PDB file of N, CA and C in Angstrom:
ATOM      1  N   MET A   1       0.836  -1.184  -0.002  1.00  0.00           N
ATOM      2  CA  MET A   1       0.005   0.001   0.005  1.00  0.00           C
ATOM      3  C   MET A   1       0.874   1.241  -0.001  1.00  0.00           C
ATOM      4  N   THR A   2       0.403   2.236  -0.672  1.00  0.00           N
ATOM      5  CA  THR A   2       1.157   3.477  -0.749  1.00  0.00           C
ATOM      6  C   THR A   2       0.795   4.396   0.425  1.00  0.00           C
ATOM      7  N   PRO A   3       1.775   5.182   0.846  1.00  0.00           N
ATOM      8  CA  PRO A   3       1.474   6.111   1.947  1.00  0.00           C
ATOM      9  C   PRO A   3       0.665   7.300   1.451  1.00  0.00           C
ATOM     10  N   LEU A   4      -0.222   7.793   2.301  1.00  0.00           N
ATOM     11  CA  LEU A   4      -0.948   9.019   1.989  1.00  0.00           C
ATOM     12  C   LEU A   4      -0.053  10.211   2.303  1.00  0.00           C
ATOM     13  N   PHE A   5      -0.199  11.253   1.520  1.00  0.00           N
ATOM     14  CA  PHE A   5       0.559  12.470   1.781  1.00  0.00           C
ATOM     15  C   PHE A   5      -0.318  13.501   2.456  1.00  0.00           C
ATOM     16  N   ILE A   6       0.321  14.339   3.221  1.00  0.00           N
ATOM     17  CA  ILE A   6      -0.384  15.361   3.998  1.00  0.00           C
ATOM     18  C   ILE A   6      -0.826  16.504   3.103  1.00  0.00           C
ATOM     19  N   GLU A   7      -2.067  16.903   3.286  1.00  0.00           N
ATOM     20  CA  GLU A   7      -2.607  18.058   2.566  1.00  0.00           C
ATOM     21  C   GLU A   7      -2.274  19.322   3.348  1.00  0.00           C
ATOM     22  N   ARG A   8      -2.516  19.268   4.679  1.00  0.00           N
ATOM     23  CA  ARG A   8      -2.176  20.430   5.513  1.00  0.00           C
ATOM     24  C   ARG A   8      -2.167  20.021   6.985  1.00  0.00           C
ATOM     25  N   VAL A   9      -1.523  20.865   7.784  1.00  0.00           N
ATOM     26  CA  VAL A   9      -1.492  20.690   9.233  1.00  0.00           C
ATOM     27  C   VAL A   9      -2.040  21.950   9.848  1.00  0.00           C
ATOM     28  N   ALA A  10      -3.087  21.804  10.667  1.00  0.00           N
ATOM     29  CA  ALA A  10      -3.653  22.944  11.395  1.00  0.00           C
ATOM     30  C   ALA A  10      -3.021  22.963  12.775  1.00  0.00           C
ATOM     31  N   HIS A  11      -2.347  24.064  13.090  1.00  0.00           N
ATOM     32  CA  HIS A  11      -1.707  24.228  14.397  1.00  0.00           C
ATOM     33  C   HIS A  11      -2.668  24.996  15.289  1.00  0.00           C
ATOM     34  N   ASN A  12      -3.424  24.272  16.074  1.00  0.00           N
ATOM     35  CA  ASN A  12      -4.408  24.902  16.953  1.00  0.00           C
ATOM     36  C   ASN A  12      -3.752  25.403  18.220  1.00  0.00           C
ATOM     37  N   GLU A  13      -4.214  26.555  18.664  1.00  0.00           N
ATOM     38  CA  GLU A  13      -3.726  27.115  19.920  1.00  0.00           C
ATOM     39  C   GLU A  13      -4.917  27.465  20.785  1.00  0.00           C
ATOM     40  N   PRO A  14      -4.802  27.201  22.083  1.00  0.00           N
ATOM     41  CA  PRO A  14      -5.947  27.495  22.958  1.00  0.00           C
ATOM     42  C   PRO A  14      -6.230  28.997  23.019  1.00  0.00           C
ATOM     43  N   HIS A  15      -7.490  29.309  23.169  1.00  0.00           N
ATOM     44  CA  HIS A  15      -7.914  30.700  23.278  1.00  0.00           C
ATOM     45  C   HIS A  15      -8.585  30.885  24.629  1.00  0.00           C
ATOM     46  N   GLY A  16      -7.906  31.519  25.546  1.00  0.00           N
ATOM     47  CA  GLY A  16      -8.498  31.834  26.847  1.00  0.00           C
ATOM     48  C   GLY A  16      -8.533  30.658  27.806  1.00  0.00           C
ATOM     49  N   GLY A  17      -9.493  29.778  27.669  1.00  0.00           N
ATOM     50  CA  GLY A  17      -9.738  28.741  28.656  1.00  0.00           C
ATOM     51  C   GLY A  17      -8.795  27.551  28.645  1.00  0.00           C
ATOM     52  N   GLY A  18      -7.637  27.677  28.076  1.00  0.00           N
ATOM     53  CA  GLY A  18      -6.682  26.576  28.068  1.00  0.00           C
ATOM     54  C   GLY A  18      -7.007  25.546  27.028  1.00  0.00           C
ATOM     55  N   TYR A  19      -6.933  24.284  27.417  1.00  0.00           N
ATOM     56  CA  TYR A  19      -7.057  23.207  26.446  1.00  0.00           C
ATOM     57  C   TYR A  19      -8.454  22.591  26.420  1.00  0.00           C
ATOM     58  N   GLU A  20      -9.428  23.291  26.947  1.00  0.00           N
ATOM     59  CA  GLU A  20     -10.781  22.767  26.988  1.00  0.00           C
ATOM     60  C   GLU A  20     -11.318  22.453  25.596  1.00  0.00           C
ATOM     61  N   GLN A  21     -11.051  23.355  24.619  1.00  0.00           N
ATOM     62  CA  GLN A  21     -11.555  23.109  23.264  1.00  0.00           C
ATOM     63  C   GLN A  21     -10.856  21.918  22.632  1.00  0.00           C
ATOM     64  N   PHE A  22      -9.597  21.624  22.991  1.00  0.00           N
ATOM     65  CA  PHE A  22      -8.921  20.427  22.484  1.00  0.00           C
ATOM     66  C   PHE A  22      -9.611  19.180  23.002  1.00  0.00           C
ATOM     67  N   GLU A  23      -9.998  19.201  24.266  1.00  0.00           N
ATOM     68  CA  GLU A  23     -10.675  18.047  24.856  1.00  0.00           C
ATOM     69  C   GLU A  23     -11.995  17.787  24.167  1.00  0.00           C
ATOM     70  N   GLN A  24     -12.740  18.857  23.853  1.00  0.00           N
ATOM     71  CA  GLN A  24     -14.005  18.714  23.142  1.00  0.00           C
ATOM     72  C   GLN A  24     -13.767  18.143  21.740  1.00  0.00           C
ATOM     73  N   MET A  25     -12.787  18.669  21.031  1.00  0.00           N
ATOM     74  CA  MET A  25     -12.457  18.184  19.701  1.00  0.00           C
ATOM     75  C   MET A  25     -12.050  16.710  19.767  1.00  0.00           C
ATOM     76  N   TYR A  26     -11.294  16.340  20.778  1.00  0.00           N
ATOM     77  CA  TYR A  26     -10.835  14.966  20.981  1.00  0.00           C
ATOM     78  C   TYR A  26     -12.030  14.037  21.186  1.00  0.00           C
ATOM     79  N   ARG A  27     -12.972  14.439  22.009  1.00  0.00           N
ATOM     80  CA  ARG A  27     -14.165  13.608  22.252  1.00  0.00           C
ATOM     81  C   ARG A  27     -14.977  13.426  20.976  1.00  0.00           C
ATOM     82  N   GLN A  28     -15.124  14.485  20.192  1.00  0.00           N
ATOM     83  CA  GLN A  28     -15.863  14.388  18.942  1.00  0.00           C
ATOM     84  C   GLN A  28     -15.147  13.460  17.958  1.00  0.00           C
ATOM     85  N   ALA A  29     -13.809  13.598  17.866  1.00  0.00           N
ATOM     86  CA  ALA A  29     -13.038  12.749  16.956  1.00  0.00           C
ATOM     87  C   ALA A  29     -13.094  11.296  17.388  1.00  0.00           C
ATOM     88  N   LEU A  30     -13.010  11.067  18.684  1.00  0.00           N
ATOM     89  CA  LEU A  30     -13.022   9.712  19.217  1.00  0.00           C
ATOM     90  C   LEU A  30     -14.357   9.018  18.930  1.00  0.00           C
ATOM     91  N   ALA A  31     -15.431   9.778  18.859  1.00  0.00           N
ATOM     92  CA  ALA A  31     -16.741   9.204  18.571  1.00  0.00           C
ATOM     93  C   ALA A  31     -16.797   8.592  17.178  1.00  0.00           C
ATOM     94  N   CYS A  32     -15.993   9.091  16.241  1.00  0.00           N
ATOM     95  CA  CYS A  32     -16.019   8.548  14.877  1.00  0.00           C
ATOM     96  C   CYS A  32     -14.668   7.996  14.429  1.00  0.00           C
ATOM     97  N   GLY A  33     -13.718   7.938  15.335  1.00  0.00           N
ATOM     98  CA  GLY A  33     -12.401   7.396  14.987  1.00  0.00           C
ATOM     99  C   GLY A  33     -11.945   6.399  16.027  1.00  0.00           C
ATOM    100  N   ARG A  34     -10.641   6.267  16.141  1.00  0.00           N
ATOM    101  CA  ARG A  34     -10.116   5.371  17.178  1.00  0.00           C
ATOM    102  C   ARG A  34      -8.878   5.991  17.813  1.00  0.00           C
ATOM    103  N   GLU A  35      -8.751   5.709  19.089  1.00  0.00           N
ATOM    104  CA  GLU A  35      -7.622   6.227  19.852  1.00  0.00           C
ATOM    105  C   GLU A  35      -6.370   5.466  19.467  1.00  0.00           C
ATOM    106  N   VAL A  36      -5.251   6.198  19.398  1.00  0.00           N
ATOM    107  CA  VAL A  36      -3.972   5.622  19.000  1.00  0.00           C
ATOM    108  C   VAL A  36      -2.925   6.013  20.041  1.00  0.00           C
ATOM    109  N   ARG A  37      -2.114   5.050  20.438  1.00  0.00           N
ATOM    110  CA  ARG A  37      -0.974   5.315  21.322  1.00  0.00           C
ATOM    111  C   ARG A  37       0.240   4.641  20.719  1.00  0.00           C
ATOM    112  N   ILE A  38       1.350   5.387  20.648  1.00  0.00           N
ATOM    113  CA  ILE A  38       2.590   4.846  20.108  1.00  0.00           C
ATOM    114  C   ILE A  38       3.727   5.217  21.057  1.00  0.00           C
ATOM    115  N   GLU A  39       4.521   4.247  21.452  1.00  0.00           N
ATOM    116  CA  GLU A  39       5.664   4.493  22.318  1.00  0.00           C
ATOM    117  C   GLU A  39       6.739   5.260  21.562  1.00  0.00           C
ATOM    118  N   ALA A  40       7.538   6.045  22.277  1.00  0.00           N
ATOM    119  CA  ALA A  40       8.629   6.787  21.659  1.00  0.00           C
ATOM    120  C   ALA A  40       9.547   5.828  20.908  1.00  0.00           C
ATOM    121  N   GLY A  41       9.909   6.207  19.690  1.00  0.00           N
ATOM    122  CA  GLY A  41      10.796   5.402  18.867  1.00  0.00           C
ATOM    123  C   GLY A  41      10.100   4.276  18.106  1.00  0.00           C
ATOM    124  N   LYS A  42       8.823   4.084  18.341  1.00  0.00           N
ATOM    125  CA  LYS A  42       8.074   3.005  17.662  1.00  0.00           C
ATOM    126  C   LYS A  42       7.306   3.592  16.471  1.00  0.00           C
ATOM    127  N   ARG A  43       6.946   2.699  15.567  1.00  0.00           N
ATOM    128  CA  ARG A  43       6.259   3.070  14.334  1.00  0.00           C
ATOM    129  C   ARG A  43       4.934   2.314  14.251  1.00  0.00           C
ATOM    130  N   ALA A  44       3.944   2.937  13.603  1.00  0.00           N
ATOM    131  CA  ALA A  44       2.650   2.284  13.408  1.00  0.00           C
ATOM    132  C   ALA A  44       2.094   2.667  12.041  1.00  0.00           C
ATOM    133  N   GLU A  45       1.280   1.768  11.484  1.00  0.00           N
ATOM    134  CA  GLU A  45       0.615   2.024  10.204  1.00  0.00           C
ATOM    135  C   GLU A  45      -0.886   1.805  10.360  1.00  0.00           C
ATOM    136  N   PHE A  46      -1.654   2.577   9.611  1.00  0.00           N
ATOM    137  CA  PHE A  46      -3.104   2.493   9.660  1.00  0.00           C
ATOM    138  C   PHE A  46      -3.641   2.497   8.238  1.00  0.00           C
ATOM    139  N   ASP A  47      -4.476   1.520   7.925  1.00  0.00           N
ATOM    140  CA  ASP A  47      -5.036   1.388   6.575  1.00  0.00           C
ATOM    141  C   ASP A  47      -6.110   2.438   6.337  1.00  0.00           C
ATOM    142  N   VAL A  48      -6.122   2.938   5.103  1.00  0.00           N
ATOM    143  CA  VAL A  48      -7.123   3.910   4.667  1.00  0.00           C
ATOM    144  C   VAL A  48      -7.716   3.347   3.370  1.00  0.00           C
ATOM    145  N   PRO A  49      -9.006   2.991   3.388  1.00  0.00           N
ATOM    146  CA  PRO A  49      -9.634   2.423   2.185  1.00  0.00           C
ATOM    147  C   PRO A  49      -9.626   3.407   1.009  1.00  0.00           C
ATOM    148  N   ALA A  50      -9.637   2.853  -0.201  1.00  0.00           N
ATOM    149  CA  ALA A  50      -9.663   3.666  -1.419  1.00  0.00           C
ATOM    150  C   ALA A  50     -10.778   4.701  -1.348  1.00  0.00           C
ATOM    151  N   GLY A  51     -10.448   5.920  -1.792  1.00  0.00           N
ATOM    152  CA  GLY A  51     -11.451   6.987  -1.824  1.00  0.00           C
ATOM    153  C   GLY A  51     -11.697   7.669  -0.487  1.00  0.00           C
ATOM    154  N   ASN A  52     -11.046   7.222   0.568  1.00  0.00           N
ATOM    155  CA  ASN A  52     -11.240   7.817   1.897  1.00  0.00           C
ATOM    156  C   ASN A  52     -10.120   8.786   2.233  1.00  0.00           C
ATOM    157  N   ARG A  53     -10.394   9.633   3.203  1.00  0.00           N
ATOM    158  CA  ARG A  53      -9.428  10.589   3.723  1.00  0.00           C
ATOM    159  C   ARG A  53      -9.107  10.182   5.150  1.00  0.00           C
ATOM    160  N   ALA A  54      -7.938  10.573   5.640  1.00  0.00           N
ATOM    161  CA  ALA A  54      -7.556  10.354   7.036  1.00  0.00           C
ATOM    162  C   ALA A  54      -7.242  11.693   7.691  1.00  0.00           C
ATOM    163  N   ILE A  55      -7.622  11.789   8.958  1.00  0.00           N
ATOM    164  CA  ILE A  55      -7.309  12.971   9.762  1.00  0.00           C
ATOM    165  C   ILE A  55      -6.765  12.447  11.088  1.00  0.00           C
ATOM    166  N   VAL A  56      -5.615  13.002  11.530  1.00  0.00           N
ATOM    167  CA  VAL A  56      -5.016  12.623  12.806  1.00  0.00           C
ATOM    168  C   VAL A  56      -5.038  13.821  13.736  1.00  0.00           C
ATOM    169  N   TYR A  57      -5.614  13.617  14.931  1.00  0.00           N
ATOM    170  CA  TYR A  57      -5.656  14.633  15.982  1.00  0.00           C
ATOM    171  C   TYR A  57      -4.573  14.276  16.999  1.00  0.00           C
ATOM    172  N   VAL A  58      -3.594  15.148  17.178  1.00  0.00           N
ATOM    173  CA  VAL A  58      -2.498  14.885  18.113  1.00  0.00           C
ATOM    174  C   VAL A  58      -2.861  15.490  19.463  1.00  0.00           C
ATOM    175  N   MET A  59      -2.959  14.632  20.462  1.00  0.00           N
ATOM    176  CA  MET A  59      -3.299  15.118  21.804  1.00  0.00           C
ATOM    177  C   MET A  59      -2.050  15.292  22.668  1.00  0.00           C
ATOM    178  N   GLU A  60      -1.140  14.325  22.600  1.00  0.00           N
ATOM    179  CA  GLU A  60       0.089  14.389  23.404  1.00  0.00           C
ATOM    180  C   GLU A  60       1.241  13.827  22.606  1.00  0.00           C
ATOM    181  N   GLY A  61       2.424  14.302  22.915  1.00  0.00           N
ATOM    182  CA  GLY A  61       3.626  13.763  22.303  1.00  0.00           C
ATOM    183  C   GLY A  61       3.989  14.427  20.996  1.00  0.00           C
ATOM    184  N   SER A  62       4.843  13.746  20.247  1.00  0.00           N
ATOM    185  CA  SER A  62       5.340  14.247  18.980  1.00  0.00           C
ATOM    186  C   SER A  62       5.453  13.078  18.030  1.00  0.00           C
ATOM    187  N   VAL A  63       5.026  13.283  16.801  1.00  0.00           N
ATOM    188  CA  VAL A  63       5.007  12.216  15.818  1.00  0.00           C
ATOM    189  C   VAL A  63       5.452  12.761  14.455  1.00  0.00           C
ATOM    190  N   ARG A  64       6.081  11.896  13.658  1.00  0.00           N
ATOM    191  CA  ARG A  64       6.459  12.243  12.276  1.00  0.00           C
ATOM    192  C   ARG A  64       5.764  11.271  11.330  1.00  0.00           C
ATOM    193  N   PHE A  65       5.345  11.784  10.173  1.00  0.00           N
ATOM    194  CA  PHE A  65       4.578  10.999   9.218  1.00  0.00           C
ATOM    195  C   PHE A  65       5.454  10.602   8.044  1.00  0.00           C
ATOM    196  N   GLU A  66       5.327   9.336   7.653  1.00  0.00           N
ATOM    197  CA  GLU A  66       6.066   8.813   6.515  1.00  0.00           C
ATOM    198  C   GLU A  66       5.606   9.508   5.246  1.00  0.00           C
ATOM    199  N   GLY A  67       6.509   9.670   4.349  1.00  0.00           N
ATOM    200  CA  GLY A  67       6.195  10.310   3.078  1.00  0.00           C
ATOM    201  C   GLY A  67       6.993  11.580   2.926  1.00  0.00           C
ATOM    202  N   ASP A  68       6.756  12.545   3.821  1.00  0.00           N
ATOM    203  CA  ASP A  68       7.519  13.788   3.749  1.00  0.00           C
ATOM    204  C   ASP A  68       8.138  14.170   5.095  1.00  0.00           C
ATOM    205  N   ASP A  69       8.058  13.269   6.066  1.00  0.00           N
ATOM    206  CA  ASP A  69       8.675  13.450   7.379  1.00  0.00           C
ATOM    207  C   ASP A  69       8.133  14.661   8.139  1.00  0.00           C
ATOM    208  N   THR A  70       6.872  14.998   7.907  1.00  0.00           N
ATOM    209  CA  THR A  70       6.226  16.117   8.601  1.00  0.00           C
ATOM    210  C   THR A  70       6.057  15.778  10.071  1.00  0.00           C
ATOM    211  N   GLU A  71       6.389  16.727  10.920  1.00  0.00           N
ATOM    212  CA  GLU A  71       6.263  16.537  12.374  1.00  0.00           C
ATOM    213  C   GLU A  71       5.002  17.230  12.859  1.00  0.00           C
ATOM    214  N   ALA A  72       4.359  16.622  13.869  1.00  0.00           N
ATOM    215  CA  ALA A  72       3.181  17.230  14.488  1.00  0.00           C
ATOM    216  C   ALA A  72       3.249  17.045  15.988  1.00  0.00           C
ATOM    217  N   GLY A  73       2.685  18.006  16.725  1.00  0.00           N
ATOM    218  CA  GLY A  73       2.715  17.961  18.185  1.00  0.00           C
ATOM    219  C   GLY A  73       1.336  18.243  18.760  1.00  0.00           C
ATOM    220  N   PRO A  74       1.249  18.383  20.076  1.00  0.00           N
ATOM    221  CA  PRO A  74      -0.036  18.560  20.754  1.00  0.00           C
ATOM    222  C   PRO A  74      -0.883  19.685  20.162  1.00  0.00           C
ATOM    223  N   GLY A  75      -2.151  19.365  19.911  1.00  0.00           N
ATOM    224  CA  GLY A  75      -3.068  20.352  19.364  1.00  0.00           C
ATOM    225  C   GLY A  75      -3.112  20.390  17.842  1.00  0.00           C
ATOM    226  N   ASP A  76      -2.155  19.728  17.184  1.00  0.00           N
ATOM    227  CA  ASP A  76      -2.139  19.733  15.721  1.00  0.00           C
ATOM    228  C   ASP A  76      -3.180  18.784  15.160  1.00  0.00           C
ATOM    229  N   VAL A  77      -3.780  19.210  14.059  1.00  0.00           N
ATOM    230  CA  VAL A  77      -4.709  18.363  13.310  1.00  0.00           C
ATOM    231  C   VAL A  77      -4.075  18.156  11.928  1.00  0.00           C
ATOM    232  N   VAL A  78      -3.767  16.907  11.597  1.00  0.00           N
ATOM    233  CA  VAL A  78      -3.079  16.577  10.360  1.00  0.00           C
ATOM    234  C   VAL A  78      -4.101  15.999   9.387  1.00  0.00           C
ATOM    235  N   ILE A  79      -4.285  16.685   8.269  1.00  0.00           N
ATOM    236  CA  ILE A  79      -5.283  16.298   7.285  1.00  0.00           C
ATOM    237  C   ILE A  79      -4.571  15.751   6.048  1.00  0.00           C
ATOM    238  N   PHE A  80      -4.912  14.530   5.675  1.00  0.00           N
ATOM    239  CA  PHE A  80      -4.260  13.870   4.555  1.00  0.00           C
ATOM    240  C   PHE A  80      -5.091  14.006   3.292  1.00  0.00           C
ATOM    241  N   ARG A  81      -4.405  13.921   2.149  1.00  0.00           N
ATOM    242  CA  ARG A  81      -5.088  13.871   0.862  1.00  0.00           C
ATOM    243  C   ARG A  81      -5.886  12.582   0.802  1.00  0.00           C
ATOM    244  N   PRO A  82      -6.982  12.561   0.065  1.00  0.00           N
ATOM    245  CA  PRO A  82      -7.759  11.314  -0.040  1.00  0.00           C
ATOM    246  C   PRO A  82      -6.965  10.223  -0.746  1.00  0.00           C
ATOM    247  N   ALA A  83      -7.218   8.984  -0.353  1.00  0.00           N
ATOM    248  CA  ALA A  83      -6.635   7.847  -1.056  1.00  0.00           C
ATOM    249  C   ALA A  83      -7.228   7.786  -2.451  1.00  0.00           C
ATOM    250  N   GLY A  84      -6.452   7.328  -3.398  1.00  0.00           N
ATOM    251  CA  GLY A  84      -6.919   7.220  -4.775  1.00  0.00           C
ATOM    252  C   GLY A  84      -7.801   5.998  -4.972  1.00  0.00           C
ATOM    253  N   GLU A  85      -7.619   5.337  -6.094  1.00  0.00           N
ATOM    254  CA  GLU A  85      -8.425   4.170  -6.428  1.00  0.00           C
ATOM    255  C   GLU A  85      -8.002   2.925  -5.673  1.00  0.00           C
ATOM    256  N   ASP A  86      -6.812   2.967  -5.056  1.00  0.00           N
ATOM    257  CA  ASP A  86      -6.301   1.830  -4.293  1.00  0.00           C
ATOM    258  C   ASP A  86      -6.252   2.173  -2.815  1.00  0.00           C
ATOM    259  N   ASP A  87      -6.299   1.149  -1.974  1.00  0.00           N
ATOM    260  CA  ASP A  87      -6.132   1.365  -0.548  1.00  0.00           C
ATOM    261  C   ASP A  87      -4.773   1.996  -0.279  1.00  0.00           C
ATOM    262  N   ALA A  88      -4.673   2.764   0.789  1.00  0.00           N
ATOM    263  CA  ALA A  88      -3.434   3.445   1.149  1.00  0.00           C
ATOM    264  C   ALA A  88      -3.206   3.255   2.640  1.00  0.00           C
ATOM    265  N   ARG A  89      -2.193   3.949   3.174  1.00  0.00           N
ATOM    266  CA  ARG A  89      -1.921   3.856   4.601  1.00  0.00           C
ATOM    267  C   ARG A  89      -1.362   5.166   5.123  1.00  0.00           C
ATOM    268  N   VAL A  90      -1.583   5.371   6.416  1.00  0.00           N
ATOM    269  CA  VAL A  90      -0.935   6.451   7.158  1.00  0.00           C
ATOM    270  C   VAL A  90       0.092   5.770   8.036  1.00  0.00           C
ATOM    271  N   ALA A  91       1.350   6.159   7.873  1.00  0.00           N
ATOM    272  CA  ALA A  91       2.430   5.582   8.666  1.00  0.00           C
ATOM    273  C   ALA A  91       3.073   6.703   9.476  1.00  0.00           C
ATOM    274  N   MET A  92       3.312   6.430  10.758  1.00  0.00           N
ATOM    275  CA  MET A  92       3.910   7.440  11.625  1.00  0.00           C
ATOM    276  C   MET A  92       4.855   6.823  12.638  1.00  0.00           C
ATOM    277  N   GLU A  93       5.797   7.650  13.089  1.00  0.00           N
ATOM    278  CA  GLU A  93       6.742   7.228  14.114  1.00  0.00           C
ATOM    279  C   GLU A  93       6.741   8.274  15.220  1.00  0.00           C
ATOM    280  N   ALA A  94       6.679   7.814  16.451  1.00  0.00           N
ATOM    281  CA  ALA A  94       6.611   8.725  17.600  1.00  0.00           C
ATOM    282  C   ALA A  94       8.019   9.116  18.039  1.00  0.00           C
ATOM    283  N   ASP A  95       8.275  10.421  18.120  1.00  0.00           N
ATOM    284  CA  ASP A  95       9.523  10.928  18.684  1.00  0.00           C
ATOM    285  C   ASP A  95       9.426  10.950  20.203  1.00  0.00           C
ATOM    286  N   LEU A  96       8.243  11.311  20.706  1.00  0.00           N
ATOM    287  CA  LEU A  96       7.904  11.285  22.127  1.00  0.00           C
ATOM    288  C   LEU A  96       6.655  10.408  22.245  1.00  0.00           C
ATOM    289  N   PRO A  97       6.369   9.841  23.420  1.00  0.00           N
ATOM    290  CA  PRO A  97       5.155   9.023  23.543  1.00  0.00           C
ATOM    291  C   PRO A  97       3.943   9.782  22.991  1.00  0.00           C
ATOM    292  N   PHE A  98       3.271   9.154  22.055  1.00  0.00           N
ATOM    293  CA  PHE A  98       2.199   9.792  21.305  1.00  0.00           C
ATOM    294  C   PHE A  98       0.835   9.225  21.682  1.00  0.00           C
ATOM    295  N   SER A  99      -0.146  10.126  21.810  1.00  0.00           N
ATOM    296  CA  SER A  99      -1.546   9.694  21.901  1.00  0.00           C
ATOM    297  C   SER A  99      -2.371  10.672  21.085  1.00  0.00           C
ATOM    298  N   GLY A 100      -3.364  10.116  20.413  1.00  0.00           N
ATOM    299  CA  GLY A 100      -4.212  10.921  19.561  1.00  0.00           C
ATOM    300  C   GLY A 100      -5.348  10.078  19.032  1.00  0.00           C
ATOM    301  N   VAL A 101      -5.987  10.603  18.005  1.00  0.00           N
ATOM    302  CA  VAL A 101      -7.118   9.922  17.372  1.00  0.00           C
ATOM    303  C   VAL A 101      -6.914   9.959  15.871  1.00  0.00           C
ATOM    304  N   ILE A 102      -7.182   8.827  15.209  1.00  0.00           N
ATOM    305  CA  ILE A 102      -7.194   8.814  13.748  1.00  0.00           C
ATOM    306  C   ILE A 102      -8.624   8.545  13.294  1.00  0.00           C
ATOM    307  N   VAL A 103      -9.058   9.339  12.350  1.00  0.00           N
ATOM    308  CA  VAL A 103     -10.401   9.217  11.782  1.00  0.00           C
ATOM    309  C   VAL A 103     -10.234   9.007  10.283  1.00  0.00           C
ATOM    310  N   THR A 104     -10.934   8.009   9.751  1.00  0.00           N
ATOM    311  CA  THR A 104     -10.918   7.801   8.297  1.00  0.00           C
ATOM    312  C   THR A 104     -12.350   7.757   7.807  1.00  0.00           C
ATOM    313  N   GLY A 105     -12.548   8.207   6.588  1.00  0.00           N
ATOM    314  CA  GLY A 105     -13.888   8.163   6.019  1.00  0.00           C
ATOM    315  C   GLY A 105     -13.956   8.945   4.737  1.00  0.00           C
ATOM    316  N   ARG A 106     -15.101   8.929   4.132  1.00  0.00           N
ATOM    317  CA  ARG A 106     -15.351   9.692   2.914  1.00  0.00           C
ATOM    318  C   ARG A 106     -15.361  11.175   3.270  1.00  0.00           C
ATOM    319  N   GLU A 107     -14.948  11.971   2.329  1.00  0.00           N
ATOM    320  CA  GLU A 107     -14.838  13.432   2.532  1.00  0.00           C
ATOM    321  C   GLU A 107     -16.095  14.015   3.182  1.00  0.00           C
ATOM    322  N   GLU A 108     -17.260  13.699   2.636  1.00  0.00           N
ATOM    323  CA  GLU A 108     -18.503  14.302   3.133  1.00  0.00           C
ATOM    324  C   GLU A 108     -18.832  13.854   4.561  1.00  0.00           C
ATOM    325  N   ALA A 109     -18.343  12.699   4.970  1.00  0.00           N
ATOM    326  CA  ALA A 109     -18.635  12.207   6.332  1.00  0.00           C
ATOM    327  C   ALA A 109     -17.750  12.822   7.391  1.00  0.00           C
ATOM    328  N   LEU A 110     -16.650  13.441   6.988  1.00  0.00           N
ATOM    329  CA  LEU A 110     -15.693  14.002   7.956  1.00  0.00           C
ATOM    330  C   LEU A 110     -15.956  15.454   8.312  1.00  0.00           C
ATOM    331  N   HIS A 111     -16.972  16.037   7.770  1.00  0.00           N
ATOM    332  CA  HIS A 111     -17.266  17.453   8.055  1.00  0.00           C
ATOM    333  C   HIS A 111     -18.424  17.573   8.999  1.00  0.00           C
TER     334      HIS A 111
END
C-alpha cells in the first residue's frame, strides 16, 4: 500500500480557557475514529480504504509521518489527501510518547 501524503497541518492554539476546546475536539473525533498510542521510537501504520481521507488529531507527544517526514505535536490536526483508487496507509513514528485519534472516512462524512 502506498502512503498518503499530508494536505495540511492545522496548528491549533488554545484561546482563553486553556485546552478545553482540544478536549471537546478529541471527544468528537473519538466518537467517529479510534484512539492511538505509540511508544517513543516506535512506528505504526493504519489502513485507509480507497477513496477515503484520514485525519489525525495529536493530543500528546510528537510524531512524524512517513512520506515527507512532517512533524506534528499537541493540538495539531493533520489532514491527509484522499486515497486514490487503491487502498493506502498512514504511517507514523513517535519521537515522544504519542496519543491521539485517527479518523478515516469519505470526505462528506468527515465534516
